[in-house]
PDB file of N, CA and C in Angstrom:
ATOM      1  N   MET A   1       0.789  -1.405  -0.198  1.00  0.00           N
ATOM      2  CA  MET A   1       0.112   0.489   0.194  1.00  0.00           C
ATOM      3  C   MET A   1       0.326   0.936   0.193  1.00  0.00           C
ATOM      4  N   THR A   2       0.839   2.219  -0.423  1.00  0.00           N
ATOM      5  CA  THR A   2       1.008   3.727  -0.935  1.00  0.00           C
ATOM      6  C   THR A   2       0.101   4.422  -0.833  1.00  0.00           C
ATOM      7  N   PHE A   3       1.195   5.575  -0.075  1.00  0.00           N
ATOM      8  CA  PHE A   3       0.623   6.749   0.582  1.00  0.00           C
ATOM      9  C   PHE A   3       0.864   8.142   0.252  1.00  0.00           C
ATOM     10  N   SER A   4       0.654   8.922  -0.177  1.00  0.00           N
ATOM     11  CA  SER A   4       1.646  10.388   0.274  1.00  0.00           C
ATOM     12  C   SER A   4       1.812  11.037   0.826  1.00  0.00           C
ATOM     13  N   ASN A   5       0.565  10.986   1.810  1.00  0.00           N
ATOM     14  CA  ASN A   5       1.355  11.837   2.696  1.00  0.00           C
ATOM     15  C   ASN A   5       1.197  11.003   3.870  1.00  0.00           C
ATOM     16  N   PRO A   6       2.391  11.261   4.845  1.00  0.00           N
ATOM     17  CA  PRO A   6       2.732  10.282   5.724  1.00  0.00           C
ATOM     18  C   PRO A   6       1.479  10.949   6.960  1.00  0.00           C
ATOM     19  N   GLU A   7       1.218  11.350   7.107  1.00  0.00           N
ATOM     20  CA  GLU A   7      -0.218  11.278   8.240  1.00  0.00           C
ATOM     21  C   GLU A   7      -1.124  10.267   7.992  1.00  0.00           C
ATOM     22  N   TRP A   8      -1.435  10.097   6.843  1.00  0.00           N
ATOM     23  CA  TRP A   8      -2.404   8.667   6.303  1.00  0.00           C
ATOM     24  C   TRP A   8      -1.559   7.498   6.693  1.00  0.00           C
ATOM     25  N   ALA A   9       0.160   7.450   6.060  1.00  0.00           N
ATOM     26  CA  ALA A   9       0.010   6.314   6.317  1.00  0.00           C
ATOM     27  C   ALA A   9       0.294   5.975   7.877  1.00  0.00           C
ATOM     28  N   MET A  10       1.017   6.641   8.920  1.00  0.00           N
ATOM     29  CA  MET A  10       0.511   6.882  10.066  1.00  0.00           C
ATOM     30  C   MET A  10      -0.840   6.414  10.803  1.00  0.00           C
ATOM     31  N   LYS A  11      -1.890   6.668  10.439  1.00  0.00           N
ATOM     32  CA  LYS A  11      -3.168   6.371  10.859  1.00  0.00           C
ATOM     33  C   LYS A  11      -3.163   5.285  10.365  1.00  0.00           C
ATOM     34  N   HIS A  12      -2.675   4.700   9.198  1.00  0.00           N
ATOM     35  CA  HIS A  12      -3.495   3.481   8.532  1.00  0.00           C
ATOM     36  C   HIS A  12      -2.735   2.144   9.574  1.00  0.00           C
ATOM     37  N   ILE A  13      -1.385   2.225   9.722  1.00  0.00           N
ATOM     38  CA  ILE A  13      -0.489   1.998  10.964  1.00  0.00           C
ATOM     39  C   ILE A  13      -1.226   1.572  12.347  1.00  0.00           C
ATOM     40  N   LEU A  14      -1.512   2.698  13.178  1.00  0.00           N
ATOM     41  CA  LEU A  14      -1.942   2.384  13.871  1.00  0.00           C
ATOM     42  C   LEU A  14      -3.290   2.333  14.086  1.00  0.00           C
ATOM     43  N   GLU A  15      -4.069   1.753  12.998  1.00  0.00           N
ATOM     44  CA  GLU A  15      -4.983   1.479  13.248  1.00  0.00           C
ATOM     45  C   GLU A  15      -5.606   0.074  12.478  1.00  0.00           C
ATOM     46  N   LYS A  16      -4.497  -0.527  11.561  1.00  0.00           N
ATOM     47  CA  LYS A  16      -4.387  -1.893  11.284  1.00  0.00           C
ATOM     48  C   LYS A  16      -3.163  -2.474  10.909  1.00  0.00           C
ATOM     49  N   GLY A  17      -1.965  -1.368  11.686  1.00  0.00           N
ATOM     50  CA  GLY A  17      -0.467  -2.571  11.860  1.00  0.00           C
ATOM     51  C   GLY A  17      -0.325  -2.198  10.102  1.00  0.00           C
ATOM     52  N   GLY A  18       1.347  -2.032  10.364  1.00  0.00           N
ATOM     53  CA  GLY A  18       2.232  -2.771   9.220  1.00  0.00           C
ATOM     54  C   GLY A  18       3.512  -1.905   9.639  1.00  0.00           C
ATOM     55  N   SER A  19       4.319  -1.753   8.507  1.00  0.00           N
ATOM     56  CA  SER A  19       5.772  -0.412   8.543  1.00  0.00           C
ATOM     57  C   SER A  19       5.492   1.004   7.452  1.00  0.00           C
ATOM     58  N   ALA A  20       6.193   1.517   7.826  1.00  0.00           N
ATOM     59  CA  ALA A  20       6.419   2.964   7.380  1.00  0.00           C
ATOM     60  C   ALA A  20       8.170   4.136   7.555  1.00  0.00           C
ATOM     61  N   TYR A  21       8.180   4.188   6.705  1.00  0.00           N
ATOM     62  CA  TYR A  21       9.155   5.076   6.843  1.00  0.00           C
ATOM     63  C   TYR A  21       8.681   6.668   7.257  1.00  0.00           C
ATOM     64  N   LEU A  22       8.624   7.119   8.797  1.00  0.00           N
ATOM     65  CA  LEU A  22       7.642   8.321   8.703  1.00  0.00           C
ATOM     66  C   LEU A  22       8.984   9.258   9.521  1.00  0.00           C
ATOM     67  N   PRO A  23       8.449  10.508   9.178  1.00  0.00           N
ATOM     68  CA  PRO A  23       9.654  11.537  10.127  1.00  0.00           C
ATOM     69  C   PRO A  23       9.773  11.794  11.502  1.00  0.00           C
ATOM     70  N   VAL A  24      10.888  11.355  11.720  1.00  0.00           N
ATOM     71  CA  VAL A  24      10.870  11.293  13.273  1.00  0.00           C
ATOM     72  C   VAL A  24      10.380  12.373  14.226  1.00  0.00           C
ATOM     73  N   SER A  25      10.268  13.872  14.192  1.00  0.00           N
ATOM     74  CA  SER A  25       9.135  14.549  13.811  1.00  0.00           C
ATOM     75  C   SER A  25       7.832  14.452  14.391  1.00  0.00           C
ATOM     76  N   MET A  26       7.531  13.818  13.707  1.00  0.00           N
ATOM     77  CA  MET A  26       5.989  12.830  13.352  1.00  0.00           C
ATOM     78  C   MET A  26       5.728  11.793  14.274  1.00  0.00           C
ATOM     79  N   ALA A  27       6.553  11.050  14.524  1.00  0.00           N
ATOM     80  CA  ALA A  27       6.732   9.879  15.410  1.00  0.00           C
ATOM     81  C   ALA A  27       7.100   9.948  16.312  1.00  0.00           C
ATOM     82  N   THR A  28       7.477  10.619  16.720  1.00  0.00           N
ATOM     83  CA  THR A  28       7.833  10.891  17.900  1.00  0.00           C
ATOM     84  C   THR A  28       7.347  10.435  19.305  1.00  0.00           C
ATOM     85  N   LEU A  29       5.981  11.262  19.224  1.00  0.00           N
ATOM     86  CA  LEU A  29       4.740  11.133  20.672  1.00  0.00           C
ATOM     87  C   LEU A  29       4.791   9.527  20.620  1.00  0.00           C
ATOM     88  N   ASN A  30       4.152   8.586  19.496  1.00  0.00           N
ATOM     89  CA  ASN A  30       3.692   7.651  19.574  1.00  0.00           C
ATOM     90  C   ASN A  30       5.156   6.779  19.970  1.00  0.00           C
ATOM     91  N   LEU A  31       5.983   6.623  19.654  1.00  0.00           N
ATOM     92  CA  LEU A  31       7.581   5.733  19.875  1.00  0.00           C
ATOM     93  C   LEU A  31       7.557   6.260  21.085  1.00  0.00           C
ATOM     94  N   LYS A  32       6.995   7.654  22.417  1.00  0.00           N
ATOM     95  CA  LYS A  32       6.828   7.053  23.423  1.00  0.00           C
ATOM     96  C   LYS A  32       6.138   6.716  24.073  1.00  0.00           C
ATOM     97  N   LEU A  33       4.926   6.774  23.620  1.00  0.00           N
ATOM     98  CA  LEU A  33       3.817   6.092  24.171  1.00  0.00           C
ATOM     99  C   LEU A  33       3.534   4.678  23.886  1.00  0.00           C
ATOM    100  N   GLY A  34       4.469   4.079  23.030  1.00  0.00           N
ATOM    101  CA  GLY A  34       5.226   2.536  22.486  1.00  0.00           C
ATOM    102  C   GLY A  34       3.644   2.022  21.640  1.00  0.00           C
ATOM    103  N   LYS A  35       3.171   2.786  20.857  1.00  0.00           N
ATOM    104  CA  LYS A  35       1.940   2.707  19.956  1.00  0.00           C
ATOM    105  C   LYS A  35       2.862   2.477  18.553  1.00  0.00           C
ATOM    106  N   LEU A  36       4.371   3.359  18.354  1.00  0.00           N
ATOM    107  CA  LEU A  36       5.074   2.677  17.403  1.00  0.00           C
ATOM    108  C   LEU A  36       6.654   2.460  17.981  1.00  0.00           C
ATOM    109  N   HIS A  37       7.427   1.431  17.195  1.00  0.00           N
ATOM    110  CA  HIS A  37       8.254   1.235  17.200  1.00  0.00           C
ATOM    111  C   HIS A  37       9.275   1.393  16.419  1.00  0.00           C
ATOM    112  N   GLU A  38      10.701   1.352  16.748  1.00  0.00           N
ATOM    113  CA  GLU A  38      11.750   1.994  15.943  1.00  0.00           C
ATOM    114  C   GLU A  38      12.709   0.526  14.849  1.00  0.00           C
ATOM    115  N   ILE A  39      13.008   0.417  13.885  1.00  0.00           N
ATOM    116  CA  ILE A  39      13.295  -0.410  13.210  1.00  0.00           C
ATOM    117  C   ILE A  39      14.738  -0.624  14.223  1.00  0.00           C
ATOM    118  N   VAL A  40      15.583  -1.260  14.479  1.00  0.00           N
ATOM    119  CA  VAL A  40      17.032  -0.789  15.075  1.00  0.00           C
ATOM    120  C   VAL A  40      17.938  -1.114  13.989  1.00  0.00           C
ATOM    121  N   GLY A  41      18.817  -0.584  13.284  1.00  0.00           N
ATOM    122  CA  GLY A  41      19.633  -0.798  12.366  1.00  0.00           C
ATOM    123  C   GLY A  41      18.831  -0.036  10.436  1.00  0.00           C
ATOM    124  N   ALA A  42      17.871  -0.008  10.295  1.00  0.00           N
ATOM    125  CA  ALA A  42      16.673   0.605   9.229  1.00  0.00           C
ATOM    126  C   ALA A  42      17.772   1.960   8.378  1.00  0.00           C
ATOM    127  N   PRO A  43      18.044   1.602   7.740  1.00  0.00           N
ATOM    128  CA  PRO A  43      18.094   3.086   6.854  1.00  0.00           C
ATOM    129  C   PRO A  43      18.012   4.065   6.988  1.00  0.00           C
ATOM    130  N   ALA A  44      18.521   5.100   7.090  1.00  0.00           N
ATOM    131  CA  ALA A  44      17.345   6.105   7.800  1.00  0.00           C
ATOM    132  C   ALA A  44      17.697   7.167   6.368  1.00  0.00           C
ATOM    133  N   PHE A  45      16.359   8.078   5.928  1.00  0.00           N
ATOM    134  CA  PHE A  45      16.533   9.200   4.986  1.00  0.00           C
ATOM    135  C   PHE A  45      16.631  10.332   5.853  1.00  0.00           C
ATOM    136  N   GLU A  46      17.303  10.770   5.120  1.00  0.00           N
ATOM    137  CA  GLU A  46      17.087  12.964   5.327  1.00  0.00           C
ATOM    138  C   GLU A  46      16.605  13.742   3.885  1.00  0.00           C
ATOM    139  N   ARG A  47      15.323  14.262   3.776  1.00  0.00           N
ATOM    140  CA  ARG A  47      15.017  15.434   3.117  1.00  0.00           C
ATOM    141  C   ARG A  47      15.961  16.796   3.165  1.00  0.00           C
ATOM    142  N   LYS A  48      15.892  17.762   3.002  1.00  0.00           N
ATOM    143  CA  LYS A  48      16.923  18.867   3.034  1.00  0.00           C
ATOM    144  C   LYS A  48      15.176  19.788   2.283  1.00  0.00           C
ATOM    145  N   VAL A  49      14.829  20.607   3.551  1.00  0.00           N
ATOM    146  CA  VAL A  49      13.687  22.051   3.659  1.00  0.00           C
ATOM    147  C   VAL A  49      14.783  23.208   2.936  1.00  0.00           C
ATOM    148  N   PHE A  50      12.808  23.085   1.786  1.00  0.00           N
ATOM    149  CA  PHE A  50      13.861  24.538   1.967  1.00  0.00           C
ATOM    150  C   PHE A  50      12.644  25.804   1.550  1.00  0.00           C
ATOM    151  N   LEU A  51      12.801  26.793   1.762  1.00  0.00           N
ATOM    152  CA  LEU A  51      12.364  28.038   2.573  1.00  0.00           C
ATOM    153  C   LEU A  51      12.346  28.991   1.048  1.00  0.00           C
ATOM    154  N   SER A  52      11.556  30.364   0.447  1.00  0.00           N
ATOM    155  CA  SER A  52      11.631  30.832   0.087  1.00  0.00           C
ATOM    156  C   SER A  52      10.435  32.167  -0.040  1.00  0.00           C
ATOM    157  N   TRP A  53      11.253  32.977  -0.280  1.00  0.00           N
ATOM    158  CA  TRP A  53       9.377  34.985   0.238  1.00  0.00           C
ATOM    159  C   TRP A  53      10.364  35.462  -0.750  1.00  0.00           C
ATOM    160  N   ARG A  54       9.311  36.721  -0.581  1.00  0.00           N
ATOM    161  CA  ARG A  54       9.392  37.582  -0.846  1.00  0.00           C
ATOM    162  C   ARG A  54       9.412  38.355  -0.345  1.00  0.00           C
ATOM    163  N   THR A  55      10.241  39.679  -0.441  1.00  0.00           N
ATOM    164  CA  THR A  55      11.121  39.810   0.863  1.00  0.00           C
ATOM    165  C   THR A  55       9.340  41.291   1.311  1.00  0.00           C
ATOM    166  N   SER A  56       8.105  41.301   0.185  1.00  0.00           N
ATOM    167  CA  SER A  56       7.493  42.304   0.532  1.00  0.00           C
ATOM    168  C   SER A  56       6.269  41.036   1.366  1.00  0.00           C
ATOM    169  N   CYS A  57       7.095  39.947   1.873  1.00  0.00           N
ATOM    170  CA  CYS A  57       5.947  39.476   3.034  1.00  0.00           C
ATOM    171  C   CYS A  57       6.484  39.651   3.735  1.00  0.00           C
ATOM    172  N   GLU A  58       7.582  40.040   4.313  1.00  0.00           N
ATOM    173  CA  GLU A  58       8.844  40.221   5.520  1.00  0.00           C
ATOM    174  C   GLU A  58       7.474  40.863   6.709  1.00  0.00           C
ATOM    175  N   GLU A  59       6.950  41.954   6.388  1.00  0.00           N
ATOM    176  CA  GLU A  59       6.025  42.844   7.032  1.00  0.00           C
ATOM    177  C   GLU A  59       4.973  41.520   7.856  1.00  0.00           C
ATOM    178  N   GLN A  60       4.354  40.519   6.888  1.00  0.00           N
ATOM    179  CA  GLN A  60       2.625  40.059   7.322  1.00  0.00           C
ATOM    180  C   GLN A  60       3.644  39.656   7.938  1.00  0.00           C
ATOM    181  N   PHE A  61       4.507  38.521   7.910  1.00  0.00           N
ATOM    182  CA  PHE A  61       5.246  36.982   8.409  1.00  0.00           C
ATOM    183  C   PHE A  61       5.980  37.518   9.041  1.00  0.00           C
ATOM    184  N   GLY A  62       6.306  38.097  10.304  1.00  0.00           N
ATOM    185  CA  GLY A  62       7.876  38.945  11.155  1.00  0.00           C
ATOM    186  C   GLY A  62       8.961  37.470  11.703  1.00  0.00           C
ATOM    187  N   TRP A  63       7.562  36.630  11.881  1.00  0.00           N
ATOM    188  CA  TRP A  63       9.640  35.230  11.717  1.00  0.00           C
ATOM    189  C   TRP A  63      10.027  34.916  10.583  1.00  0.00           C
ATOM    190  N   LEU A  64       9.568  35.732   9.527  1.00  0.00           N
ATOM    191  CA  LEU A  64      10.550  35.177   7.572  1.00  0.00           C
ATOM    192  C   LEU A  64      12.175  36.233   8.065  1.00  0.00           C
ATOM    193  N   ARG A  65      12.414  37.655   8.804  1.00  0.00           N
ATOM    194  CA  ARG A  65      13.637  37.788   9.866  1.00  0.00           C
ATOM    195  C   ARG A  65      14.084  37.117   9.960  1.00  0.00           C
TER     196      ARG A  65
END
């Protein structure tokens, strides 16, 4: 089964079982609660995140500065 959204994948796994590569930030709480389990030794994937914006928007979104 394939999901284009990690939230849908996690919901499915929590309800029906299975395995998936999920973002650590998304899985952390369920790992702590014991609802998900990390597979030790599984390859890790890193994804770069980029942000671009128009300088004219800086006033509207102060956190861009």
